Protein backbone atom coordinates (compact mmCIF):
# COMPACT_ATOMS: atom_id res chain seq x y z
CA MET A 1 104.77 202.81 77.71
CA ARG A 2 107.90 200.60 77.99
CA PRO A 3 107.11 196.79 77.71
CA THR A 4 108.18 194.93 80.70
CA PRO A 5 110.14 191.52 80.66
CA THR A 6 107.02 189.67 81.61
CA THR A 7 105.10 191.26 78.69
CA VAL A 8 107.75 190.38 76.21
CA ARG A 9 108.05 186.84 77.41
CA ALA A 10 104.44 186.25 77.32
CA ALA A 11 104.09 187.77 73.73
CA ALA A 12 106.95 185.36 72.68
CA ASP A 13 105.47 182.46 74.28
CA LEU A 14 102.07 183.42 72.42
CA LEU A 15 103.88 183.58 68.93
CA GLY A 16 105.79 180.52 69.75
CA ARG A 17 102.63 178.56 70.09
CA HIS A 18 101.19 180.01 66.75
CA PRO A 19 104.09 179.93 64.35
CA ARG A 20 101.69 180.29 61.40
CA TRP A 21 100.84 183.81 62.66
CA VAL A 22 104.43 184.82 62.62
CA ASP A 23 104.68 183.47 59.11
CA ALA A 24 101.65 185.18 58.01
CA GLY A 25 102.88 188.64 59.52
CA LEU A 26 106.19 187.93 57.56
CA VAL A 27 104.18 187.51 54.30
CA VAL A 28 102.42 190.88 55.03
CA LEU A 29 105.72 192.74 55.73
CA LEU A 30 107.29 191.28 52.58
CA VAL A 31 104.28 192.53 50.40
CA VAL A 32 104.55 195.88 51.96
CA LEU A 33 108.38 196.18 51.22
CA ASP A 34 108.34 194.59 47.86
CA GLY A 35 105.07 196.01 46.37
CA PRO A 36 105.91 199.60 45.70
CA ALA A 37 109.06 198.81 43.40
CA ALA A 38 107.61 195.57 41.86
CA LEU A 39 103.96 196.24 41.15
CA PRO A 40 103.64 199.79 39.05
CA GLY A 41 102.24 199.04 35.67
CA LEU A 42 101.57 195.31 36.31
CA GLY A 43 97.85 195.51 36.66
CA VAL A 44 95.58 193.04 38.15
CA THR A 45 97.39 190.00 36.75
CA GLY A 46 100.74 191.34 38.14
CA TRP A 47 99.00 191.66 41.71
CA LEU A 48 97.99 188.08 41.44
CA TRP A 49 101.29 186.91 40.49
CA PHE A 50 102.76 188.92 43.26
CA LEU A 51 100.59 187.55 45.77
CA ALA A 52 100.73 184.12 44.57
CA ILE A 53 104.51 184.07 44.99
CA HIS A 54 104.40 185.22 48.53
CA MET A 55 101.52 183.07 49.90
CA PRO A 56 103.38 179.77 50.14
CA LEU A 57 105.55 181.28 52.84
CA VAL A 58 102.67 181.12 55.31
CA TRP A 59 103.28 177.25 55.40
CA ARG A 60 107.05 177.56 55.22
CA ARG A 61 107.87 175.86 58.63
CA ARG A 62 105.29 173.12 58.12
CA ALA A 63 106.48 172.08 54.82
CA PRO A 64 109.85 173.86 54.10
CA VAL A 65 110.84 171.77 50.99
CA PRO A 66 107.51 171.82 49.01
CA VAL A 67 107.28 175.67 49.88
CA PHE A 68 110.52 176.36 48.43
CA TRP A 69 109.75 174.39 45.19
CA ALA A 70 106.31 176.11 44.95
CA VAL A 71 108.06 179.68 45.41
CA PHE A 72 110.80 178.70 42.81
CA VAL A 73 108.34 177.55 40.08
CA LEU A 74 106.15 180.50 40.55
CA VAL A 75 109.08 183.03 40.45
CA VAL A 76 110.55 181.17 37.20
CA SER A 77 107.16 181.24 35.75
CA TRP A 78 106.51 185.00 36.59
CA ALA A 79 110.03 185.77 35.19
CA VAL A 80 109.22 183.98 31.81
CA LEU A 81 105.99 185.75 31.48
CA ALA A 82 106.75 189.24 32.81
CA GLY A 83 110.46 189.43 32.13
CA VAL A 84 113.39 189.85 34.51
CA ARG A 85 112.92 192.75 36.67
CA THR A 86 115.63 194.49 38.68
CA GLU A 87 113.65 196.87 40.92
CA GLY A 88 113.62 196.60 44.53
CA ILE A 89 114.37 193.22 46.15
CA PHE A 90 111.49 191.20 44.55
CA PRO A 91 111.38 188.24 44.00
CA GLU A 92 114.90 187.55 45.45
CA ILE A 93 113.84 188.20 49.04
CA VAL A 94 110.97 185.77 48.70
CA VAL A 95 113.38 183.09 47.50
CA ALA A 96 116.00 183.98 50.03
CA VAL A 97 113.33 183.20 52.72
CA ALA A 98 112.28 179.98 51.32
CA VAL A 99 116.01 178.94 51.05
CA TYR A 100 116.59 179.94 54.50
CA THR A 101 113.63 178.04 55.80
CA VAL A 102 114.98 174.82 54.12
CA ALA A 103 118.35 175.22 55.65
CA ARG A 104 116.95 176.03 59.02
CA HIS A 105 114.48 173.01 59.37
CA ARG A 106 115.94 170.39 57.02
CA GLY A 107 119.17 168.56 56.48
CA TRP A 108 121.74 168.68 53.74
CA ARG A 109 119.87 166.02 51.79
CA HIS A 110 117.14 168.42 51.00
CA LEU A 111 119.44 171.50 50.93
CA TRP A 112 121.84 170.46 48.16
CA PRO A 113 119.18 170.41 45.47
CA VAL A 114 117.96 173.80 46.53
CA VAL A 115 121.39 175.22 46.15
CA ALA A 116 122.07 173.51 42.95
CA VAL A 117 118.81 174.61 41.14
CA ILE A 118 119.71 178.25 41.96
CA GLU A 119 123.50 178.38 41.61
CA ILE A 120 124.06 176.23 38.29
CA PRO A 121 121.43 178.09 36.04
CA THR A 122 122.71 181.43 37.39
CA VAL A 123 126.44 180.65 36.75
CA ALA A 124 125.66 179.27 33.30
CA PHE A 125 123.46 182.15 32.08
CA LEU A 126 125.64 185.10 33.75
CA LEU A 127 128.97 183.60 32.47
CA SER A 128 127.86 182.37 29.06
CA ALA A 129 125.57 185.24 28.02
CA ALA A 130 125.84 188.45 30.15
CA ARG A 131 129.30 187.73 31.71
CA ASN A 132 127.97 189.83 34.67
CA TRP A 133 130.56 189.10 37.43
CA THR A 134 128.89 191.55 39.80
CA ALA A 135 125.65 189.79 39.67
CA LEU A 136 127.11 186.46 39.96
CA GLY A 137 128.80 187.35 43.01
CA PHE A 138 125.73 188.93 44.40
CA VAL A 139 123.77 185.65 43.86
CA THR A 140 126.48 183.36 45.06
CA PHE A 141 127.46 185.13 48.20
CA GLY A 142 123.88 185.86 48.90
CA LEU A 143 122.87 182.37 48.62
CA ALA A 144 125.89 181.19 50.69
CA ALA A 145 125.10 183.81 53.56
CA THR A 146 121.43 182.57 53.51
CA VAL A 147 122.42 178.95 53.68
CA LEU A 148 125.02 179.49 56.36
CA LEU A 149 122.57 181.50 58.42
CA GLY A 150 119.93 178.70 58.34
CA VAL A 151 122.47 175.94 58.88
CA THR A 152 124.02 177.63 61.80
CA LEU A 153 120.75 178.21 63.56
CA ARG A 154 119.56 174.72 63.02
CA ILE A 155 122.79 173.37 64.41
CA ARG A 156 122.47 175.87 67.51
CA GLN A 157 118.70 174.62 67.99
CA THR A 158 120.00 170.81 67.89
CA TYR A 159 122.60 171.71 70.37
CA LEU A 160 120.17 173.48 72.69
CA ALA A 161 117.76 170.52 72.48
CA GLU A 162 120.49 168.01 73.28
CA LEU A 163 121.63 170.27 76.11
CA SER A 164 118.16 170.33 77.39
CA ARG A 165 117.63 166.54 77.26
CA GLN A 166 121.11 166.06 78.97
CA ARG A 167 119.78 168.27 81.75
CA GLU A 168 116.69 166.30 82.03
CA ARG A 169 118.70 163.17 82.26
CA GLU A 170 120.88 164.63 85.01
CA ARG A 171 117.70 165.62 87.02
CA HIS A 172 116.45 162.28 86.73
CA GLN A 173 119.82 160.75 87.74
CA GLN A 174 119.94 163.14 90.68
CA THR A 175 116.42 161.95 91.73
CA ARG A 176 117.40 158.31 91.51
CA LEU A 177 120.65 159.21 93.55
CA ALA A 178 118.48 161.03 96.14
CA VAL A 179 116.13 158.02 96.34
CA ALA A 180 119.15 155.62 96.69
CA ALA A 181 120.74 157.90 99.46
CA GLU A 182 117.42 157.83 101.21
CA ARG A 183 117.04 154.18 101.00
CA GLY A 184 120.48 154.06 102.70
CA ARG A 185 119.22 156.24 105.39
CA ILE A 186 116.16 154.33 105.93
CA ALA A 187 118.37 151.19 106.30
CA ARG A 188 120.60 153.13 108.74
CA ASP A 189 117.61 154.31 110.74
CA LEU A 190 116.00 150.86 110.88
CA HIS A 191 118.98 148.68 111.31
CA ASP A 192 119.40 149.58 115.04
CA ILE A 193 115.75 148.84 115.55
CA VAL A 194 115.78 145.40 114.03
CA ALA A 195 119.09 144.68 115.80
CA HIS A 196 117.64 145.68 119.15
CA ASN A 197 114.54 143.62 118.51
CA LEU A 198 116.85 140.52 117.80
CA ALA A 199 118.89 141.20 120.84
CA VAL A 200 115.92 141.34 123.09
CA MET A 201 114.61 138.07 121.53
CA VAL A 202 117.94 136.34 122.29
CA ALA A 203 117.97 137.63 125.94
CA LEU A 204 114.30 136.52 126.43
CA ALA A 205 114.98 133.20 125.01
CA ASP A 206 118.00 132.70 127.15
CA GLY A 207 115.93 133.80 130.13
CA ALA A 208 113.11 131.42 129.24
CA ALA A 209 115.46 128.47 128.86
CA TYR A 210 117.06 129.27 132.15
CA THR A 211 113.77 129.48 134.15
CA ALA A 212 111.83 126.86 132.30
CA GLY A 213 112.48 124.11 135.01
CA ALA A 214 111.99 126.15 138.08
CA THR A 215 109.15 128.69 137.03
CA PRO A 216 107.54 127.51 133.84
CA GLU A 217 104.98 130.63 134.09
CA ARG A 218 107.73 133.02 133.70
CA ALA A 219 109.21 131.10 130.94
CA ALA A 220 105.92 131.10 128.90
CA GLU A 221 105.58 134.97 129.65
CA ALA A 222 109.11 135.38 128.31
CA MET A 223 108.17 133.40 125.08
CA GLU A 224 105.08 135.51 124.49
CA LYS A 225 107.48 138.67 124.45
CA VAL A 226 109.83 136.83 122.09
CA ALA A 227 106.99 136.13 119.69
CA THR A 228 105.69 139.81 119.90
CA THR A 229 109.11 141.09 119.32
CA GLY A 230 109.85 138.75 116.50
CA ARG A 231 106.63 139.91 114.69
CA GLN A 232 107.90 143.36 114.85
CA ALA A 233 111.38 142.53 113.73
CA LEU A 234 110.00 140.43 110.94
CA GLY A 235 107.98 143.49 109.62
CA GLU A 236 111.00 145.69 109.74
CA MET A 237 113.18 143.03 108.06
CA ARG A 238 110.64 142.62 105.15
CA ARG A 239 110.85 146.46 104.59
CA LEU A 240 114.58 146.25 104.54
CA LEU A 241 114.78 143.65 101.93
CA GLY A 242 117.14 144.74 99.16
CA LEU A 243 118.63 147.49 101.05
CA LEU A 244 122.35 147.54 101.89
CA ARG A 245 123.69 148.98 105.01
CA GLU A 246 127.28 150.00 105.84
CA ASP A 247 128.78 151.31 108.97
CA ALA A 248 126.08 150.47 111.50
CA VAL A 249 128.13 150.73 114.69
CA GLY A 250 127.58 153.48 117.28
CA ARG A 251 124.28 155.10 116.18
CA ALA A 252 122.01 156.50 118.84
CA PRO A 253 118.46 155.30 119.43
CA GLN A 254 116.01 156.52 116.82
CA PRO A 255 113.27 159.02 117.63
CA GLY A 256 109.66 158.20 117.66
CA LEU A 257 106.14 159.75 118.42
CA ASP A 258 107.20 160.51 121.84
CA ASP A 259 109.79 162.82 120.53
CA LEU A 260 107.64 164.86 118.39
CA ASP A 261 107.20 167.55 121.29
CA GLY A 262 110.99 167.86 121.26
CA LEU A 263 111.21 168.18 117.60
CA LEU A 264 108.50 170.91 117.61
CA ALA A 265 110.31 172.79 120.42
CA GLN A 266 113.47 172.75 118.24
CA VAL A 267 111.56 174.29 115.36
CA ARG A 268 109.78 176.91 117.59
CA ALA A 269 113.06 177.99 118.87
CA ALA A 270 114.14 178.84 115.30
CA GLY A 271 111.13 181.14 114.88
CA PRO A 272 108.13 179.54 113.35
CA ARG A 273 104.98 179.19 115.43
CA VAL A 274 104.01 175.52 115.47
CA ARG A 275 101.04 173.97 116.70
CA LEU A 276 100.61 170.14 117.09
CA SER A 277 96.96 168.42 117.20
CA ILE A 278 96.46 164.79 117.57
CA ASP A 279 93.42 162.80 116.96
CA GLY A 280 92.69 159.26 117.68
CA VAL A 281 94.41 156.77 119.93
CA PRO A 282 98.03 155.71 118.89
CA HIS A 283 98.41 152.01 118.32
CA ASP A 284 101.51 149.84 118.94
CA ARG A 285 102.97 149.85 115.40
CA GLY A 286 106.60 149.06 116.22
CA PRO A 287 109.46 151.57 116.47
CA GLY A 288 109.80 151.67 112.69
CA ALA A 289 106.44 153.10 111.96
CA ASP A 290 106.96 155.74 114.80
CA LEU A 291 110.28 156.69 113.18
CA THR A 292 108.61 157.05 109.79
CA VAL A 293 106.07 159.44 111.12
CA TYR A 294 108.85 161.38 112.92
CA ARG A 295 111.04 161.68 109.98
CA ILE A 296 108.13 162.87 107.59
CA VAL A 297 107.24 165.44 110.21
CA GLN A 298 111.05 166.35 110.54
CA GLU A 299 111.48 166.78 106.79
CA ALA A 300 108.16 168.73 106.30
CA LEU A 301 109.09 171.24 109.07
CA THR A 302 112.68 171.50 107.67
CA ASN A 303 111.11 172.52 104.15
CA THR A 304 109.01 175.00 105.96
CA LEU A 305 112.21 176.47 107.68
CA LYS A 306 113.95 176.53 104.27
CA HIS A 307 111.30 178.15 102.24
CA ALA A 308 108.70 179.90 104.41
CA GLY A 309 111.49 181.21 107.00
CA PRO A 310 111.25 181.94 110.73
CA GLY A 311 108.00 183.92 110.50
CA ALA A 312 105.63 181.22 109.40
CA GLN A 313 102.87 179.55 111.14
CA VAL A 314 102.66 175.89 111.00
CA GLU A 315 99.95 173.28 111.96
CA VAL A 316 100.93 169.59 112.45
CA ARG A 317 97.89 167.38 112.44
CA LEU A 318 98.17 163.65 113.29
CA HIS A 319 95.08 161.48 112.98
CA HIS A 320 95.39 157.71 114.23
CA HIS A 321 93.02 155.06 112.99
CA ASP A 322 92.76 151.32 113.12
CA ASP A 323 94.88 150.71 109.95
CA GLY A 324 97.22 153.59 109.90
CA VAL A 325 98.02 157.34 110.44
CA ASP A 326 97.01 160.36 108.34
CA LEU A 327 99.59 163.15 108.78
CA GLU A 328 99.18 166.68 107.51
CA VAL A 329 101.76 169.79 107.83
CA VAL A 330 100.39 173.16 106.72
CA ASP A 331 102.15 176.45 106.81
CA ASP A 332 101.09 179.91 105.68
CA GLY A 333 104.25 180.74 103.74
CA ALA A 334 104.88 183.66 106.24
CA GLY A 335 102.14 185.35 104.07
CA ARG A 336 104.01 184.91 100.67
CA PRO A 337 102.66 182.77 97.74
CA ALA A 338 104.34 179.32 97.61
CA VAL A 339 106.87 179.05 94.70
CA PRO A 340 107.96 175.66 93.59
CA THR A 341 111.75 175.09 94.04
CA SER A 342 114.22 173.74 91.75
CA ASP A 343 116.35 171.88 94.20
CA GLY A 344 115.37 168.65 92.68
CA GLY A 345 112.81 167.76 95.42
CA HIS A 346 115.19 165.48 97.35
CA GLY A 347 113.22 166.01 100.49
CA LEU A 348 109.99 165.08 98.94
CA ALA A 349 111.57 161.99 97.40
CA GLY A 350 112.70 160.85 100.93
CA MET A 351 109.16 161.33 102.34
CA ILE A 352 107.68 159.53 99.47
CA GLU A 353 110.24 156.50 99.97
CA ARG A 354 109.46 156.27 103.70
CA ALA A 355 105.63 156.26 103.15
CA ALA A 356 105.79 153.69 100.51
CA ALA A 357 107.69 151.29 102.76
CA TYR A 358 104.48 151.39 104.77
CA GLY A 359 102.04 151.19 101.79
CA GLY A 360 101.35 154.76 102.05
CA ARG A 361 101.68 157.94 99.87
CA VAL A 362 102.52 161.64 100.05
CA GLU A 363 100.96 164.70 98.46
CA ALA A 364 102.50 168.09 98.60
CA GLY A 365 102.02 171.33 96.89
CA PRO A 366 100.87 174.98 97.31
CA ARG A 367 97.70 175.61 99.35
CA THR A 368 94.47 176.39 97.50
CA ASP A 369 92.90 178.40 100.31
CA GLY A 370 95.80 180.92 100.69
CA PRO A 371 99.48 181.28 100.89
CA GLY A 372 101.70 178.66 101.93
CA TRP A 373 102.49 174.86 101.67
CA ARG A 374 100.65 171.81 102.45
CA MET A 375 102.00 168.32 102.83
CA VAL A 376 99.62 165.12 103.49
CA ALA A 377 100.96 161.68 104.20
CA ARG A 378 98.91 158.57 104.56
CA LEU A 379 100.53 155.64 106.03
CA ARG A 380 98.86 152.15 106.21
CA PHE A 381 100.28 149.70 108.60
CA ASP A 382 99.15 146.21 107.56
CA GLU A 383 100.49 143.07 108.90
CA GLY A 384 104.08 142.46 108.08
CA GLY A 385 104.20 145.56 105.74
CA SER A 386 104.85 145.41 102.01
CA VAL A 387 108.10 144.20 100.31
């Protein structure tokens, strides 16, 4: 049976979480490859030396430098006691694996002594005693290839790690830019509301001053309206503190709770079946609060259209209570399991920003009772809002 990409990926993840298993498997493989040529005629003592030379490789990634020196000392001791043997690839392959591990996981400060302790004695022995140029070339080029392979993979790993960090920084930067853009959008949405309230206050105050002498009752009524409008405007201005605004001329009046039916009708025209349920009695929170609820519903329905498609069924539930509003938008994903997207979450960032302006919070994620997505927003409208 041919392994699927999912199976291969799962196996790779499992081995990545347990590198000691991989190294133990490598030791077993080397023992199987080295043993037939290295062990005949050595007896029990030979087997013990053979296994002792291989065993440190099990900890090679945890302690590359100590493992190399342990292998090197054991190999030299074995050569002194048993004599230099040229059969097979033992012990050269064990030393090569230890050298590669140092080059792969440690820097040049640790690598230079490793290269020197192998190359210098080899050059001195082969040139002074044996003058075996072939053996010298084999050792030198083999050592160079092993070191080059380890260093190349280490540099590549460092590059990929830095690239991953750079992408993570870019994602954070994109999120911050999305939040900044959303703040600008909030400022543009609320600017006209605050400007309208101030214009109404000025008009009411002018009317009160004009009628104060002739009809004091009408002047007092106008001033009460000024106070009410001023309190609403003050709350909006506190929420706008620190936000900058450009090009505020010519914007249309902003939508509110009364426009939710129109919004849902637009979404229904695109295909999804949307049902709205309202519980409780709406309070006069001011146009800014109504706009926030409208925008959060709008963004949640936009996400449903983008990710669930026109065949989805959606429920919008709005619960009014004394100190705020609870809002829930749930879709069935058109029968498909919800998959987290990689678009940076800009829509969610905008909903969180809007809810935070009114002391609220937003939770969004896949449904636990079936396919689809669930978004819950809880808004708290205290006196004057939060700064």
